[in-house]
Amino acid sequence: MRSRFWWNLKEHSLEELESKAADVTTALDAARRSLTPASKEEILSALGSIASMMQVSLPDQDGLKLYIYGLNHLPRDLFKEACMRVTRTHKWPKLPLPAVFNEAVKQEMIEAQSLENYLKHAQRHTQHAIQWHKSKETKA
């Protein structure tokens, strides 16, 4: 579990806060990179592999557009994980609908978005504390 970022940041030195701000920025960048959505090509390739494995045909162009629309919000790594889970659990010889893929990684998606929001808040909180320290120094 993540530790809380709510300690009194005014008790820390400016150098400590700037170091923490850099750490938070690095973590936020990594969290944002992990949320990079799967590309259209990755989605089509995965659907083609799944269709081949299940010995079914892919939908027509309009159907594929709907599949892409239903899946292109998933981060690349979570999309790959959803494909693995779906292929392990799907029982019928038909291509699973996008909702099945989304449901397969629903909790992980919530956690990834929650982490990004947590880090955004931590970044703002740290920046406010740095500004407070700097304004205190200029007044002194």
C-alpha atoms as a PDB file:
ATOM      1  CA  MET A   1       0.000   0.000   0.000  1.00  0.00           C
ATOM      2  CA  ARG A   2       1.222   3.496  -0.806  1.00  0.00           C
ATOM      3  CA  SER A   3       2.191   5.663   2.118  1.00  0.00           C
ATOM      4  CA  ARG A   4       0.252   8.865   2.509  1.00  0.00           C
ATOM      5  CA  PHE A   5       1.710  12.079   1.172  1.00  0.00           C
ATOM      6  CA  TRP A   6      -0.168  14.227   3.644  1.00  0.00           C
ATOM      7  CA  TRP A   7       2.529  14.946   6.196  1.00  0.00           C
ATOM      8  CA  ASN A   8       3.143  18.592   6.975  1.00  0.00           C
ATOM      9  CA  LEU A   9       5.463  19.546   4.149  1.00  0.00           C
ATOM     10  CA  LYS A  10       6.185  22.914   5.727  1.00  0.00           C
ATOM     11  CA  GLU A  11       8.349  21.081   8.266  1.00  0.00           C
ATOM     12  CA  HIS A  12      10.757  19.944   5.539  1.00  0.00           C
ATOM     13  CA  SER A  13      13.601  21.978   4.089  1.00  0.00           C
ATOM     14  CA  LEU A  14      13.366  23.427   0.610  1.00  0.00           C
ATOM     15  CA  GLU A  15      16.101  21.035  -0.581  1.00  0.00           C
ATOM     16  CA  GLU A  16      14.145  18.022   0.720  1.00  0.00           C
ATOM     17  CA  LEU A  17      10.978  19.250  -0.965  1.00  0.00           C
ATOM     18  CA  GLU A  18      12.724  19.830  -4.277  1.00  0.00           C
ATOM     19  CA  SER A  19      14.159  16.311  -4.095  1.00  0.00           C
ATOM     20  CA  LYS A  20      10.704  14.898  -3.328  1.00  0.00           C
ATOM     21  CA  ALA A  21       9.208  16.945  -6.168  1.00  0.00           C
ATOM     22  CA  ALA A  22      11.721  15.440  -8.589  1.00  0.00           C
ATOM     23  CA  ASP A  23      10.882  11.927  -7.353  1.00  0.00           C
ATOM     24  CA  VAL A  24       7.157  12.555  -7.718  1.00  0.00           C
ATOM     25  CA  THR A  25       7.645  13.976 -11.219  1.00  0.00           C
ATOM     26  CA  THR A  26       9.639  10.895 -12.237  1.00  0.00           C
ATOM     27  CA  ALA A  27       6.968   8.582 -10.830  1.00  0.00           C
ATOM     28  CA  LEU A  28       4.180  10.575 -12.517  1.00  0.00           C
ATOM     29  CA  ASP A  29       5.974  10.412 -15.872  1.00  0.00           C
ATOM     30  CA  ALA A  30       6.313   6.635 -15.486  1.00  0.00           C
ATOM     31  CA  ALA A  31       2.634   6.315 -14.537  1.00  0.00           C
ATOM     32  CA  ARG A  32       1.612   8.340 -17.578  1.00  0.00           C
ATOM     33  CA  ARG A  33       3.831   6.257 -19.870  1.00  0.00           C
ATOM     34  CA  SER A  34       2.226   3.105 -18.485  1.00  0.00           C
ATOM     35  CA  LEU A  35      -1.174   4.510 -19.497  1.00  0.00           C
ATOM     36  CA  THR A  36      -0.156   4.944 -23.155  1.00  0.00           C
ATOM     37  CA  PRO A  37      -2.996   3.349 -25.104  1.00  0.00           C
ATOM     38  CA  ALA A  38      -2.553   0.389 -27.394  1.00  0.00           C
ATOM     39  CA  SER A  39      -2.227   1.417 -31.025  1.00  0.00           C
ATOM     40  CA  LYS A  40      -4.722   0.538 -33.733  1.00  0.00           C
ATOM     41  CA  GLU A  41      -2.131  -1.807 -35.243  1.00  0.00           C
ATOM     42  CA  GLU A  42      -1.572  -3.616 -31.934  1.00  0.00           C
ATOM     43  CA  ILE A  43      -5.308  -4.050 -31.455  1.00  0.00           C
ATOM     44  CA  LEU A  44      -5.823  -5.369 -34.978  1.00  0.00           C
ATOM     45  CA  SER A  45      -2.864  -7.728 -34.682  1.00  0.00           C
ATOM     46  CA  ALA A  46      -4.096  -9.126 -31.363  1.00  0.00           C
ATOM     47  CA  LEU A  47      -7.643  -9.540 -32.671  1.00  0.00           C
ATOM     48  CA  GLY A  48      -6.280 -11.337 -35.723  1.00  0.00           C
ATOM     49  CA  SER A  49      -4.302 -13.727 -33.520  1.00  0.00           C
ATOM     50  CA  ILE A  50      -7.280 -14.395 -31.259  1.00  0.00           C
ATOM     51  CA  ALA A  51      -9.574 -14.946 -34.253  1.00  0.00           C
ATOM     52  CA  SER A  52      -7.063 -17.351 -35.749  1.00  0.00           C
ATOM     53  CA  MET A  53      -6.711 -19.236 -32.464  1.00  0.00           C
ATOM     54  CA  MET A  54     -10.500 -19.559 -32.136  1.00  0.00           C
ATOM     55  CA  GLN A  55     -10.813 -20.399 -35.833  1.00  0.00           C
ATOM     56  CA  VAL A  56     -13.260 -17.576 -36.515  1.00  0.00           C
ATOM     57  CA  SER A  57     -13.176 -14.699 -38.977  1.00  0.00           C
ATOM     58  CA  LEU A  58     -12.682 -11.059 -38.094  1.00  0.00           C
ATOM     59  CA  PRO A  59     -15.638  -8.668 -38.456  1.00  0.00           C
ATOM     60  CA  ASP A  60     -15.925  -6.454 -41.532  1.00  0.00           C
ATOM     61  CA  GLN A  61     -14.334  -2.984 -41.611  1.00  0.00           C
ATOM     62  CA  ASP A  62     -17.168  -1.323 -39.691  1.00  0.00           C
ATOM     63  CA  GLY A  63     -17.076  -4.038 -37.060  1.00  0.00           C
ATOM     64  CA  LEU A  64     -13.315  -3.672 -36.679  1.00  0.00           C
ATOM     65  CA  LYS A  65     -13.729   0.091 -36.245  1.00  0.00           C
ATOM     66  CA  LEU A  66     -16.119  -0.610 -33.373  1.00  0.00           C
ATOM     67  CA  TYR A  67     -13.656  -3.051 -31.814  1.00  0.00           C
ATOM     68  CA  ILE A  68     -10.891  -0.451 -32.060  1.00  0.00           C
ATOM     69  CA  TYR A  69     -13.189   2.203 -30.587  1.00  0.00           C
ATOM     70  CA  GLY A  70     -14.060  -0.115 -27.694  1.00  0.00           C
ATOM     71  CA  LEU A  71     -10.457  -1.061 -26.958  1.00  0.00           C
ATOM     72  CA  ASN A  72      -8.253   1.914 -27.860  1.00  0.00           C
ATOM     73  CA  HIS A  73      -8.516   3.471 -24.405  1.00  0.00           C
ATOM     74  CA  LEU A  74      -6.792   0.498 -22.772  1.00  0.00           C
ATOM     75  CA  PRO A  75      -3.103   1.021 -21.984  1.00  0.00           C
ATOM     76  CA  ARG A  76      -0.788  -1.161 -24.061  1.00  0.00           C
ATOM     77  CA  ASP A  77       0.269  -3.454 -21.192  1.00  0.00           C
ATOM     78  CA  LEU A  78      -3.268  -3.845 -19.878  1.00  0.00           C
ATOM     79  CA  PHE A  79      -4.543  -4.595 -23.370  1.00  0.00           C
ATOM     80  CA  LYS A  80      -1.977  -7.374 -23.704  1.00  0.00           C
ATOM     81  CA  GLU A  81      -2.982  -8.718 -20.290  1.00  0.00           C
ATOM     82  CA  ALA A  82      -6.669  -8.561 -21.258  1.00  0.00           C
ATOM     83  CA  CYS A  83      -5.920 -10.579 -24.400  1.00  0.00           C
ATOM     84  CA  MET A  84      -4.119 -13.240 -22.366  1.00  0.00           C
ATOM     85  CA  ARG A  85      -6.922 -13.477 -19.824  1.00  0.00           C
ATOM     86  CA  VAL A  86      -9.627 -13.595 -22.459  1.00  0.00           C
ATOM     87  CA  THR A  87      -7.892 -16.350 -24.413  1.00  0.00           C
ATOM     88  CA  ARG A  88      -7.544 -18.407 -21.217  1.00  0.00           C
ATOM     89  CA  THR A  89     -11.177 -18.052 -20.175  1.00  0.00           C
ATOM     90  CA  HIS A  90     -13.278 -17.550 -23.327  1.00  0.00           C
ATOM     91  CA  LYS A  91     -15.340 -20.685 -23.940  1.00  0.00           C
ATOM     92  CA  TRP A  92     -17.212 -20.096 -27.184  1.00  0.00           C
ATOM     93  CA  PRO A  93     -15.864 -20.222 -30.734  1.00  0.00           C
ATOM     94  CA  LYS A  94     -16.550 -16.574 -31.486  1.00  0.00           C
ATOM     95  CA  LEU A  95     -14.534 -13.393 -31.168  1.00  0.00           C
ATOM     96  CA  PRO A  96     -15.056 -11.883 -27.694  1.00  0.00           C
ATOM     97  CA  LEU A  97     -16.686  -8.454 -27.622  1.00  0.00           C
ATOM     98  CA  PRO A  98     -14.712  -5.413 -26.437  1.00  0.00           C
ATOM     99  CA  ALA A  99     -16.625  -5.441 -23.144  1.00  0.00           C
ATOM    100  CA  VAL A 100     -15.084  -8.832 -22.333  1.00  0.00           C
ATOM    101  CA  PHE A 101     -11.572  -7.408 -22.779  1.00  0.00           C
ATOM    102  CA  ASN A 102     -12.430  -4.324 -20.726  1.00  0.00           C
ATOM    103  CA  GLU A 103     -13.897  -6.393 -17.917  1.00  0.00           C
ATOM    104  CA  ALA A 104     -10.810  -8.619 -17.827  1.00  0.00           C
ATOM    105  CA  VAL A 105      -8.615  -5.713 -16.664  1.00  0.00           C
ATOM    106  CA  LYS A 106     -11.185  -3.419 -15.080  1.00  0.00           C
ATOM    107  CA  GLN A 107      -9.603  -3.430 -11.620  1.00  0.00           C
ATOM    108  CA  GLU A 108      -6.077  -2.878 -12.944  1.00  0.00           C
ATOM    109  CA  MET A 109      -7.322   0.035 -15.052  1.00  0.00           C
ATOM    110  CA  ILE A 110      -8.928   1.643 -12.008  1.00  0.00           C
ATOM    111  CA  GLU A 111      -5.713   1.174 -10.017  1.00  0.00           C
ATOM    112  CA  ALA A 112      -3.533   2.653 -12.773  1.00  0.00           C
ATOM    113  CA  GLN A 113      -5.766   5.715 -13.106  1.00  0.00           C
ATOM    114  CA  SER A 114      -5.920   6.070  -9.339  1.00  0.00           C
ATOM    115  CA  LEU A 115      -2.125   6.020  -9.100  1.00  0.00           C
ATOM    116  CA  GLU A 116      -1.842   8.728 -11.737  1.00  0.00           C
ATOM    117  CA  ASN A 117      -4.366  10.904  -9.879  1.00  0.00           C
ATOM    118  CA  TYR A 118      -2.575  10.299  -6.564  1.00  0.00           C
ATOM    119  CA  LEU A 119       0.750  11.336  -8.063  1.00  0.00           C
ATOM    120  CA  LYS A 120      -0.778  14.431  -9.704  1.00  0.00           C
ATOM    121  CA  HIS A 121      -2.116  15.479  -6.321  1.00  0.00           C
ATOM    122  CA  ALA A 122       1.225  14.752  -4.644  1.00  0.00           C
ATOM    123  CA  GLN A 123       2.968  16.872  -7.277  1.00  0.00           C
ATOM    124  CA  ARG A 124       0.602  19.818  -6.676  1.00  0.00           C
ATOM    125  CA  HIS A 125       0.919  19.439  -2.904  1.00  0.00           C
ATOM    126  CA  THR A 126       4.713  19.433  -3.098  1.00  0.00           C
ATOM    127  CA  GLN A 127       4.794  22.420  -5.462  1.00  0.00           C
ATOM    128  CA  HIS A 128       2.581  24.417  -3.094  1.00  0.00           C
ATOM    129  CA  ALA A 129       4.931  23.625  -0.207  1.00  0.00           C
ATOM    130  CA  ILE A 130       7.938  24.707  -2.304  1.00  0.00           C
ATOM    131  CA  GLN A 131       6.188  27.964  -3.193  1.00  0.00           C
ATOM    132  CA  TRP A 132       5.373  28.512   0.485  1.00  0.00           C
ATOM    133  CA  HIS A 133       9.040  27.996   1.439  1.00  0.00           C
ATOM    134  CA  LYS A 134      10.239  30.361  -1.285  1.00  0.00           C
ATOM    135  CA  SER A 135       7.751  33.062  -0.319  1.00  0.00           C
ATOM    136  CA  LYS A 136       8.799  32.664   3.323  1.00  0.00           C
ATOM    137  CA  GLU A 137      12.463  33.118   2.326  1.00  0.00           C
ATOM    138  CA  THR A 138      11.756  36.258   0.302  1.00  0.00           C
ATOM    139  CA  LYS A 139       9.832  37.802   3.200  1.00  0.00           C
ATOM    140  CA  ALA A 140      12.701  37.124   5.601  1.00  0.00           C
END
